[in-house]
Amino acid sequence: MEKCTFTHGGKEYDEKYPEGIPTSVQITLDDGKVLDSKLVMFPSGHARNTSADLNGILNHKFNLLGRLALDEKDSQAMLNKLNNLDNLSNAEL
């Protein structure tokens, strides 16, 4: 974290909230090159973001955290069940 700095985006960003969550990220590489996301209104996870693979992100997160308590087989079975909640009966829940 000592290499991270956070800067308020200013009026331009403030005016776009609460329509979205205006944000941007800049990464400066060791050679000085700057990678800039520019302004992002709907970051991954925002309900109005249509470009992120939200299911993939959530499945990956579940797999990482699920392995703390479950073996791979049980973790995958639980994930399959969670991804199919709308099709399960009361008894299966």
PDB file of N, CA and C in Angstrom:
ATOM      1  N   MET A   1       0.814  -1.194   0.000  1.00  0.00           N
ATOM      2  CA  MET A   1       0.000   0.000   0.000  1.00  0.00           C
ATOM      3  C   MET A   1       0.858   1.258   0.000  1.00  0.00           C
ATOM      4  N   GLU A   2       2.103   1.142   0.437  1.00  0.00           N
ATOM      5  CA  GLU A   2       2.931   2.343   0.467  1.00  0.00           C
ATOM      6  C   GLU A   2       3.216   2.879  -0.931  1.00  0.00           C
ATOM      7  N   LYS A   3       2.960   2.074  -1.947  1.00  0.00           N
ATOM      8  CA  LYS A   3       3.165   2.528  -3.320  1.00  0.00           C
ATOM      9  C   LYS A   3       1.894   3.086  -3.942  1.00  0.00           C
ATOM     10  N   CYS A   4       0.804   3.084  -3.178  1.00  0.00           N
ATOM     11  CA  CYS A   4      -0.490   3.565  -3.686  1.00  0.00           C
ATOM     12  C   CYS A   4      -0.781   4.957  -3.162  1.00  0.00           C
ATOM     13  N   THR A   5      -1.352   5.768  -4.018  1.00  0.00           N
ATOM     14  CA  THR A   5      -1.871   7.062  -3.588  1.00  0.00           C
ATOM     15  C   THR A   5      -3.296   7.183  -4.088  1.00  0.00           C
ATOM     16  N   PHE A   6      -4.116   7.871  -3.333  1.00  0.00           N
ATOM     17  CA  PHE A   6      -5.513   8.067  -3.676  1.00  0.00           C
ATOM     18  C   PHE A   6      -5.753   9.561  -3.811  1.00  0.00           C
ATOM     19  N   THR A   7      -6.388   9.931  -4.910  1.00  0.00           N
ATOM     20  CA  THR A   7      -6.644  11.332  -5.184  1.00  0.00           C
ATOM     21  C   THR A   7      -8.113  11.522  -5.511  1.00  0.00           C
ATOM     22  N   HIS A   8      -8.728  12.518  -4.899  1.00  0.00           N
ATOM     23  CA  HIS A   8     -10.122  12.838  -5.195  1.00  0.00           C
ATOM     24  C   HIS A   8     -10.224  13.280  -6.647  1.00  0.00           C
ATOM     25  N   GLY A   9     -11.214  12.759  -7.372  1.00  0.00           N
ATOM     26  CA  GLY A   9     -11.360  13.059  -8.795  1.00  0.00           C
ATOM     27  C   GLY A   9     -11.819  14.462  -9.101  1.00  0.00           C
ATOM     28  N   GLY A  10     -12.364  15.137  -8.104  1.00  0.00           N
ATOM     29  CA  GLY A  10     -12.780  16.520  -8.293  1.00  0.00           C
ATOM     30  C   GLY A  10     -14.222  16.652  -8.766  1.00  0.00           C
ATOM     31  N   LYS A  11     -14.565  17.850  -9.155  1.00  0.00           N
ATOM     32  CA  LYS A  11     -15.940  18.203  -9.524  1.00  0.00           C
ATOM     33  C   LYS A  11     -16.484  17.318 -10.646  1.00  0.00           C
ATOM     34  N   GLU A  12     -15.651  17.028 -11.646  1.00  0.00           N
ATOM     35  CA  GLU A  12     -16.101  16.198 -12.777  1.00  0.00           C
ATOM     36  C   GLU A  12     -16.618  14.841 -12.294  1.00  0.00           C
ATOM     37  N   TYR A  13     -15.926  14.252 -11.346  1.00  0.00           N
ATOM     38  CA  TYR A  13     -16.333  12.956 -10.811  1.00  0.00           C
ATOM     39  C   TYR A  13     -17.548  13.115  -9.901  1.00  0.00           C
ATOM     40  N   ASP A  14     -17.528  14.118  -9.048  1.00  0.00           N
ATOM     41  CA  ASP A  14     -18.628  14.352  -8.112  1.00  0.00           C
ATOM     42  C   ASP A  14     -19.952  14.544  -8.839  1.00  0.00           C
ATOM     43  N   GLU A  15     -19.936  15.239  -9.949  1.00  0.00           N
ATOM     44  CA  GLU A  15     -21.167  15.529 -10.698  1.00  0.00           C
ATOM     45  C   GLU A  15     -21.779  14.278 -11.317  1.00  0.00           C
ATOM     46  N   LYS A  16     -20.989  13.257 -11.518  1.00  0.00           N
ATOM     47  CA  LYS A  16     -21.478  12.031 -12.147  1.00  0.00           C
ATOM     48  C   LYS A  16     -22.021  11.019 -11.131  1.00  0.00           C
ATOM     49  N   TYR A  17     -21.858  11.316  -9.856  1.00  0.00           N
ATOM     50  CA  TYR A  17     -22.383  10.463  -8.785  1.00  0.00           C
ATOM     51  C   TYR A  17     -23.715  11.044  -8.341  1.00  0.00           C
ATOM     52  N   PRO A  18     -24.772  10.293  -8.112  1.00  0.00           N
ATOM     53  CA  PRO A  18     -24.858   8.862  -7.907  1.00  0.00           C
ATOM     54  C   PRO A  18     -25.283   8.071  -9.145  1.00  0.00           C
ATOM     55  N   GLU A  19     -25.283   8.693 -10.329  1.00  0.00           N
ATOM     56  CA  GLU A  19     -25.634   7.921 -11.535  1.00  0.00           C
ATOM     57  C   GLU A  19     -24.758   6.680 -11.650  1.00  0.00           C
ATOM     58  N   GLY A  20     -23.500   6.836 -11.368  1.00  0.00           N
ATOM     59  CA  GLY A  20     -22.547   5.720 -11.400  1.00  0.00           C
ATOM     60  C   GLY A  20     -21.556   5.905 -10.272  1.00  0.00           C
ATOM     61  N   ILE A  21     -20.465   5.191 -10.353  1.00  0.00           N
ATOM     62  CA  ILE A  21     -19.381   5.339  -9.380  1.00  0.00           C
ATOM     63  C   ILE A  21     -18.138   5.739 -10.183  1.00  0.00           C
ATOM     64  N   PRO A  22     -18.073   7.011 -10.550  1.00  0.00           N
ATOM     65  CA  PRO A  22     -16.962   7.445 -11.405  1.00  0.00           C
ATOM     66  C   PRO A  22     -15.620   7.233 -10.720  1.00  0.00           C
ATOM     67  N   THR A  23     -14.735   6.588 -11.442  1.00  0.00           N
ATOM     68  CA  THR A  23     -13.414   6.277 -10.895  1.00  0.00           C
ATOM     69  C   THR A  23     -12.416   6.151 -12.028  1.00  0.00           C
ATOM     70  N   SER A  24     -11.178   6.156 -11.710  1.00  0.00           N
ATOM     71  CA  SER A  24     -10.125   5.885 -12.693  1.00  0.00           C
ATOM     72  C   SER A  24      -8.910   5.341 -11.946  1.00  0.00           C
ATOM     73  N   VAL A  25      -8.066   4.643 -12.684  1.00  0.00           N
ATOM     74  CA  VAL A  25      -6.853   4.059 -12.110  1.00  0.00           C
ATOM     75  C   VAL A  25      -5.695   4.389 -13.037  1.00  0.00           C
ATOM     76  N   GLN A  26      -4.616   4.838 -12.446  1.00  0.00           N
ATOM     77  CA  GLN A  26      -3.383   5.050 -13.187  1.00  0.00           C
ATOM     78  C   GLN A  26      -2.285   4.213 -12.531  1.00  0.00           C
ATOM     79  N   ILE A  27      -1.552   3.500 -13.367  1.00  0.00           N
ATOM     80  CA  ILE A  27      -0.448   2.670 -12.883  1.00  0.00           C
ATOM     81  C   ILE A  27       0.821   3.151 -13.571  1.00  0.00           C
ATOM     82  N   THR A  28       1.815   3.500 -12.774  1.00  0.00           N
ATOM     83  CA  THR A  28       3.099   3.932 -13.321  1.00  0.00           C
ATOM     84  C   THR A  28       4.077   2.771 -13.212  1.00  0.00           C
ATOM     85  N   LEU A  29       4.566   2.326 -14.354  1.00  0.00           N
ATOM     86  CA  LEU A  29       5.512   1.216 -14.404  1.00  0.00           C
ATOM     87  C   LEU A  29       6.910   1.688 -14.025  1.00  0.00           C
ATOM     88  N   ASP A  30       7.800   0.754 -13.743  1.00  0.00           N
ATOM     89  CA  ASP A  30       9.172   1.091 -13.361  1.00  0.00           C
ATOM     90  C   ASP A  30       9.876   1.938 -14.411  1.00  0.00           C
ATOM     91  N   ASP A  31       9.518   1.746 -15.695  1.00  0.00           N
ATOM     92  CA  ASP A  31      10.175   2.517 -16.755  1.00  0.00           C
ATOM     93  C   ASP A  31       9.533   3.892 -16.961  1.00  0.00           C
ATOM     94  N   GLY A  32       8.552   4.244 -16.106  1.00  0.00           N
ATOM     95  CA  GLY A  32       7.912   5.556 -16.192  1.00  0.00           C
ATOM     96  C   GLY A  32       6.654   5.596 -17.040  1.00  0.00           C
ATOM     97  N   LYS A  33       6.391   4.542 -17.798  1.00  0.00           N
ATOM     98  CA  LYS A  33       5.190   4.495 -18.624  1.00  0.00           C
ATOM     99  C   LYS A  33       3.953   4.464 -17.718  1.00  0.00           C
ATOM    100  N   VAL A  34       2.917   5.239 -18.097  1.00  0.00           N
ATOM    101  CA  VAL A  34       1.700   5.313 -17.297  1.00  0.00           C
ATOM    102  C   VAL A  34       0.561   4.615 -18.039  1.00  0.00           C
ATOM    103  N   LEU A  35      -0.069   3.671 -17.356  1.00  0.00           N
ATOM    104  CA  LEU A  35      -1.262   3.004 -17.873  1.00  0.00           C
ATOM    105  C   LEU A  35      -2.450   3.684 -17.217  1.00  0.00           C
ATOM    106  N   ASP A  36      -3.399   4.174 -18.019  1.00  0.00           N
ATOM    107  CA  ASP A  36      -4.508   4.978 -17.498  1.00  0.00           C
ATOM    108  C   ASP A  36      -5.837   4.414 -17.979  1.00  0.00           C
ATOM    109  N   SER A  37      -6.713   4.079 -17.053  1.00  0.00           N
ATOM    110  CA  SER A  37      -8.024   3.540 -17.407  1.00  0.00           C
ATOM    111  C   SER A  37      -8.950   4.612 -17.949  1.00  0.00           C
ATOM    112  N   LYS A  38      -8.624   5.870 -17.720  1.00  0.00           N
ATOM    113  CA  LYS A  38      -9.524   7.010 -17.982  1.00  0.00           C
ATOM    114  C   LYS A  38     -10.740   6.861 -17.072  1.00  0.00           C
ATOM    115  N   LEU A  39     -11.720   7.693 -17.241  1.00  0.00           N
ATOM    116  CA  LEU A  39     -12.896   7.673 -16.379  1.00  0.00           C
ATOM    117  C   LEU A  39     -13.747   6.439 -16.662  1.00  0.00           C
ATOM    118  N   VAL A  40     -14.089   5.730 -15.602  1.00  0.00           N
ATOM    119  CA  VAL A  40     -14.972   4.565 -15.680  1.00  0.00           C
ATOM    120  C   VAL A  40     -16.196   4.886 -14.837  1.00  0.00           C
ATOM    121  N   MET A  41     -17.370   4.900 -15.465  1.00  0.00           N
ATOM    122  CA  MET A  41     -18.600   5.239 -14.741  1.00  0.00           C
ATOM    123  C   MET A  41     -19.159   4.064 -13.961  1.00  0.00           C
ATOM    124  N   PHE A  42     -19.095   2.870 -14.539  1.00  0.00           N
ATOM    125  CA  PHE A  42     -19.710   1.694 -13.926  1.00  0.00           C
ATOM    126  C   PHE A  42     -18.656   0.593 -13.792  1.00  0.00           C
ATOM    127  N   PRO A  43     -17.871   0.626 -12.699  1.00  0.00           N
ATOM    128  CA  PRO A  43     -16.820  -0.382 -12.537  1.00  0.00           C
ATOM    129  C   PRO A  43     -17.401  -1.788 -12.383  1.00  0.00           C
ATOM    130  N   SER A  44     -16.564  -2.777 -12.545  1.00  0.00           N
ATOM    131  CA  SER A  44     -16.994  -4.168 -12.382  1.00  0.00           C
ATOM    132  C   SER A  44     -17.707  -4.335 -11.052  1.00  0.00           C
ATOM    133  N   GLY A  45     -18.834  -5.009 -11.087  1.00  0.00           N
ATOM    134  CA  GLY A  45     -19.638  -5.201  -9.892  1.00  0.00           C
ATOM    135  C   GLY A  45     -20.800  -4.232  -9.789  1.00  0.00           C
ATOM    136  N   HIS A  46     -20.739  -3.113 -10.524  1.00  0.00           N
ATOM    137  CA  HIS A  46     -21.853  -2.162 -10.528  1.00  0.00           C
ATOM    138  C   HIS A  46     -22.988  -2.750 -11.359  1.00  0.00           C
ATOM    139  N   ALA A  47     -24.225  -2.568 -10.896  1.00  0.00           N
ATOM    140  CA  ALA A  47     -25.384  -3.154 -11.565  1.00  0.00           C
ATOM    141  C   ALA A  47     -25.506  -2.723 -13.023  1.00  0.00           C
ATOM    142  N   ARG A  48     -25.005  -1.553 -13.376  1.00  0.00           N
ATOM    143  CA  ARG A  48     -25.136  -1.075 -14.754  1.00  0.00           C
ATOM    144  C   ARG A  48     -23.925  -1.385 -15.620  1.00  0.00           C
ATOM    145  N   ASN A  49     -22.946  -2.098 -15.087  1.00  0.00           N
ATOM    146  CA  ASN A  49     -21.806  -2.504 -15.892  1.00  0.00           C
ATOM    147  C   ASN A  49     -22.230  -3.689 -16.749  1.00  0.00           C
ATOM    148  N   THR A  50     -22.105  -3.526 -18.049  1.00  0.00           N
ATOM    149  CA  THR A  50     -22.519  -4.583 -18.975  1.00  0.00           C
ATOM    150  C   THR A  50     -21.333  -5.293 -19.621  1.00  0.00           C
ATOM    151  N   SER A  51     -20.122  -4.880 -19.302  1.00  0.00           N
ATOM    152  CA  SER A  51     -18.967  -5.473 -19.978  1.00  0.00           C
ATOM    153  C   SER A  51     -18.188  -6.467 -19.109  1.00  0.00           C
ATOM    154  N   ALA A  52     -18.326  -6.387 -17.799  1.00  0.00           N
ATOM    155  CA  ALA A  52     -17.576  -7.291 -16.920  1.00  0.00           C
ATOM    156  C   ALA A  52     -18.262  -8.653 -16.856  1.00  0.00           C
ATOM    157  N   ASP A  53     -17.470  -9.686 -16.743  1.00  0.00           N
ATOM    158  CA  ASP A  53     -17.977 -11.040 -16.571  1.00  0.00           C
ATOM    159  C   ASP A  53     -18.234 -11.254 -15.088  1.00  0.00           C
ATOM    160  N   LEU A  54     -19.365 -10.716 -14.583  1.00  0.00           N
ATOM    161  CA  LEU A  54     -19.655 -10.752 -13.159  1.00  0.00           C
ATOM    162  C   LEU A  54     -19.739 -12.177 -12.638  1.00  0.00           C
ATOM    163  N   ASN A  55     -20.374 -13.068 -13.377  1.00  0.00           N
ATOM    164  CA  ASN A  55     -20.448 -14.462 -12.930  1.00  0.00           C
ATOM    165  C   ASN A  55     -19.054 -15.071 -12.810  1.00  0.00           C
ATOM    166  N   GLY A  56     -18.207 -14.807 -13.772  1.00  0.00           N
ATOM    167  CA  GLY A  56     -16.839 -15.314 -13.719  1.00  0.00           C
ATOM    168  C   GLY A  56     -16.073 -14.761 -12.534  1.00  0.00           C
ATOM    169  N   ILE A  57     -16.251 -13.467 -12.264  1.00  0.00           N
ATOM    170  CA  ILE A  57     -15.579 -12.823 -11.133  1.00  0.00           C
ATOM    171  C   ILE A  57     -16.049 -13.454  -9.821  1.00  0.00           C
ATOM    172  N   LEU A  58     -17.371 -13.615  -9.674  1.00  0.00           N
ATOM    173  CA  LEU A  58     -17.914 -14.176  -8.436  1.00  0.00           C
ATOM    174  C   LEU A  58     -17.534 -15.651  -8.271  1.00  0.00           C
ATOM    175  N   ASN A  59     -17.543 -16.413  -9.355  1.00  0.00           N
ATOM    176  CA  ASN A  59     -17.130 -17.818  -9.282  1.00  0.00           C
ATOM    177  C   ASN A  59     -15.670 -17.939  -8.857  1.00  0.00           C
ATOM    178  N   HIS A  60     -14.823 -17.092  -9.433  1.00  0.00           N
ATOM    179  CA  HIS A  60     -13.400 -17.103  -9.081  1.00  0.00           C
ATOM    180  C   HIS A  60     -13.217 -16.765  -7.600  1.00  0.00           C
ATOM    181  N   LYS A  61     -13.920 -15.737  -7.137  1.00  0.00           N
ATOM    182  CA  LYS A  61     -13.821 -15.346  -5.728  1.00  0.00           C
ATOM    183  C   LYS A  61     -14.299 -16.477  -4.819  1.00  0.00           C
ATOM    184  N   PHE A  62     -15.434 -17.103  -5.192  1.00  0.00           N
ATOM    185  CA  PHE A  62     -15.929 -18.208  -4.382  1.00  0.00           C
ATOM    186  C   PHE A  62     -14.916 -19.339  -4.340  1.00  0.00           C
ATOM    187  N   ASN A  63     -14.313 -19.668  -5.476  1.00  0.00           N
ATOM    188  CA  ASN A  63     -13.321 -20.751  -5.511  1.00  0.00           C
ATOM    189  C   ASN A  63     -12.131 -20.450  -4.610  1.00  0.00           C
ATOM    190  N   LEU A  64     -11.657 -19.207  -4.635  1.00  0.00           N
ATOM    191  CA  LEU A  64     -10.523 -18.843  -3.780  1.00  0.00           C
ATOM    192  C   LEU A  64     -10.882 -18.952  -2.304  1.00  0.00           C
ATOM    193  N   LEU A  65     -12.032 -18.402  -1.929  1.00  0.00           N
ATOM    194  CA  LEU A  65     -12.421 -18.399  -0.519  1.00  0.00           C
ATOM    195  C   LEU A  65     -12.963 -19.753  -0.077  1.00  0.00           C
ATOM    196  N   GLY A  66     -13.676 -20.441  -0.979  1.00  0.00           N
ATOM    197  CA  GLY A  66     -14.248 -21.735  -0.643  1.00  0.00           C
ATOM    198  C   GLY A  66     -13.207 -22.765  -0.299  1.00  0.00           C
ATOM    199  N   ARG A  67     -12.034 -22.656  -0.917  1.00  0.00           N
ATOM    200  CA  ARG A  67     -10.951 -23.606  -0.649  1.00  0.00           C
ATOM    201  C   ARG A  67     -10.409 -23.509   0.771  1.00  0.00           C
ATOM    202  N   LEU A  68     -10.748 -22.423   1.444  1.00  0.00           N
ATOM    203  CA  LEU A  68     -10.315 -22.283   2.832  1.00  0.00           C
ATOM    204  C   LEU A  68     -11.064 -23.251   3.739  1.00  0.00           C
ATOM    205  N   ALA A  69     -12.297 -23.631   3.333  1.00  0.00           N
ATOM    206  CA  ALA A  69     -13.119 -24.484   4.187  1.00  0.00           C
ATOM    207  C   ALA A  69     -13.512 -25.806   3.543  1.00  0.00           C
ATOM    208  N   LEU A  70     -13.436 -25.905   2.230  1.00  0.00           N
ATOM    209  CA  LEU A  70     -13.918 -27.090   1.518  1.00  0.00           C
ATOM    210  C   LEU A  70     -12.837 -27.647   0.607  1.00  0.00           C
ATOM    211  N   ASP A  71     -12.895 -28.956   0.362  1.00  0.00           N
ATOM    212  CA  ASP A  71     -11.988 -29.493  -0.648  1.00  0.00           C
ATOM    213  C   ASP A  71     -12.551 -29.104  -2.022  1.00  0.00           C
ATOM    214  N   GLU A  72     -11.765 -29.327  -3.064  1.00  0.00           N
ATOM    215  CA  GLU A  72     -12.138 -28.856  -4.391  1.00  0.00           C
ATOM    216  C   GLU A  72     -13.472 -29.425  -4.868  1.00  0.00           C
ATOM    217  N   LYS A  73     -13.702 -30.705  -4.622  1.00  0.00           N
ATOM    218  CA  LYS A  73     -14.938 -31.362  -5.058  1.00  0.00           C
ATOM    219  C   LYS A  73     -16.155 -30.747  -4.363  1.00  0.00           C
ATOM    220  N   ASP A  74     -16.086 -30.589  -3.045  1.00  0.00           N
ATOM    221  CA  ASP A  74     -17.200 -30.009  -2.298  1.00  0.00           C
ATOM    222  C   ASP A  74     -17.406 -28.540  -2.652  1.00  0.00           C
ATOM    223  N   SER A  75     -16.320 -27.841  -2.866  1.00  0.00           N
ATOM    224  CA  SER A  75     -16.407 -26.428  -3.245  1.00  0.00           C
ATOM    225  C   SER A  75     -17.116 -26.286  -4.588  1.00  0.00           C
ATOM    226  N   GLN A  76     -16.754 -27.128  -5.562  1.00  0.00           N
ATOM    227  CA  GLN A  76     -17.394 -27.067  -6.878  1.00  0.00           C
ATOM    228  C   GLN A  76     -18.867 -27.447  -6.788  1.00  0.00           C
ATOM    229  N   ALA A  77     -19.204 -28.445  -5.975  1.00  0.00           N
ATOM    230  CA  ALA A  77     -20.601 -28.849  -5.796  1.00  0.00           C
ATOM    231  C   ALA A  77     -21.422 -27.708  -5.197  1.00  0.00           C
ATOM    232  N   MET A  78     -20.856 -27.035  -4.196  1.00  0.00           N
ATOM    233  CA  MET A  78     -21.549 -25.914  -3.567  1.00  0.00           C
ATOM    234  C   MET A  78     -21.722 -24.764  -4.555  1.00  0.00           C
ATOM    235  N   LEU A  79     -20.699 -24.483  -5.332  1.00  0.00           N
ATOM    236  CA  LEU A  79     -20.781 -23.413  -6.326  1.00  0.00           C
ATOM    237  C   LEU A  79     -21.849 -23.730  -7.367  1.00  0.00           C
ATOM    238  N   ASN A  80     -21.908 -24.968  -7.820  1.00  0.00           N
ATOM    239  CA  ASN A  80     -22.938 -25.372  -8.773  1.00  0.00           C
ATOM    240  C   ASN A  80     -24.331 -25.159  -8.191  1.00  0.00           C
ATOM    241  N   LYS A  81     -24.492 -25.503  -6.922  1.00  0.00           N
ATOM    242  CA  LYS A  81     -25.787 -25.327  -6.256  1.00  0.00           C
ATOM    243  C   LYS A  81     -26.135 -23.842  -6.151  1.00  0.00           C
ATOM    244  N   LEU A  82     -25.164 -23.029  -5.752  1.00  0.00           N
ATOM    245  CA  LEU A  82     -25.414 -21.597  -5.627  1.00  0.00           C
ATOM    246  C   LEU A  82     -25.757 -20.952  -6.976  1.00  0.00           C
ATOM    247  N   ASN A  83     -25.092 -21.403  -8.030  1.00  0.00           N
ATOM    248  CA  ASN A  83     -25.371 -20.846  -9.361  1.00  0.00           C
ATOM    249  C   ASN A  83     -26.705 -21.323  -9.923  1.00  0.00           C
ATOM    250  N   ASN A  84     -27.353 -22.264  -9.234  1.00  0.00           N
ATOM    251  CA  ASN A  84     -28.607 -22.836  -9.715  1.00  0.00           C
ATOM    252  C   ASN A  84     -29.742 -22.638  -8.703  1.00  0.00           C
ATOM    253  N   LEU A  85     -29.614 -21.672  -7.801  1.00  0.00           N
ATOM    254  CA  LEU A  85     -30.593 -21.468  -6.732  1.00  0.00           C
ATOM    255  C   LEU A  85     -32.020 -21.323  -7.246  1.00  0.00           C
ATOM    256  N   ASP A  86     -32.189 -20.607  -8.336  1.00  0.00           N
ATOM    257  CA  ASP A  86     -33.549 -20.356  -8.824  1.00  0.00           C
ATOM    258  C   ASP A  86     -34.239 -21.608  -9.347  1.00  0.00           C
ATOM    259  N   ASN A  87     -33.507 -22.692  -9.523  1.00  0.00           N
ATOM    260  CA  ASN A  87     -34.092 -23.937 -10.006  1.00  0.00           C
ATOM    261  C   ASN A  87     -34.211 -25.014  -8.928  1.00  0.00           C
ATOM    262  N   LEU A  88     -33.814 -24.706  -7.698  1.00  0.00           N
ATOM    263  CA  LEU A  88     -33.845 -25.699  -6.628  1.00  0.00           C
ATOM    264  C   LEU A  88     -35.189 -25.685  -5.906  1.00  0.00           C
ATOM    265  N   SER A  89     -35.597 -26.846  -5.458  1.00  0.00           N
ATOM    266  CA  SER A  89     -36.803 -26.950  -4.650  1.00  0.00           C
ATOM    267  C   SER A  89     -36.493 -26.533  -3.214  1.00  0.00           C
ATOM    268  N   ASN A  90     -37.526 -26.378  -2.400  1.00  0.00           N
ATOM    269  CA  ASN A  90     -37.318 -26.069  -0.988  1.00  0.00           C
ATOM    270  C   ASN A  90     -36.484 -27.136  -0.308  1.00  0.00           C
ATOM    271  N   ALA A  91     -36.766 -28.386  -0.620  1.00  0.00           N
ATOM    272  CA  ALA A  91     -36.030 -29.492   0.006  1.00  0.00           C
ATOM    273  C   ALA A  91     -34.555 -29.456  -0.384  1.00  0.00           C
ATOM    274  N   GLU A  92     -34.266 -29.122  -1.646  1.00  0.00           N
ATOM    275  CA  GLU A  92     -32.884 -29.068  -2.104  1.00  0.00           C
ATOM    276  C   GLU A  92     -32.127 -27.894  -1.465  1.00  0.00           C
ATOM    277  N   LEU A  93     -32.838 -26.822  -1.168  1.00  0.00           N
ATOM    278  CA  LEU A  93     -32.205 -25.695  -0.502  1.00  0.00           C
ATOM    279  C   LEU A  93     -31.820 -26.069   0.899  1.00  0.00           C
TER     280      LEU A  93
END
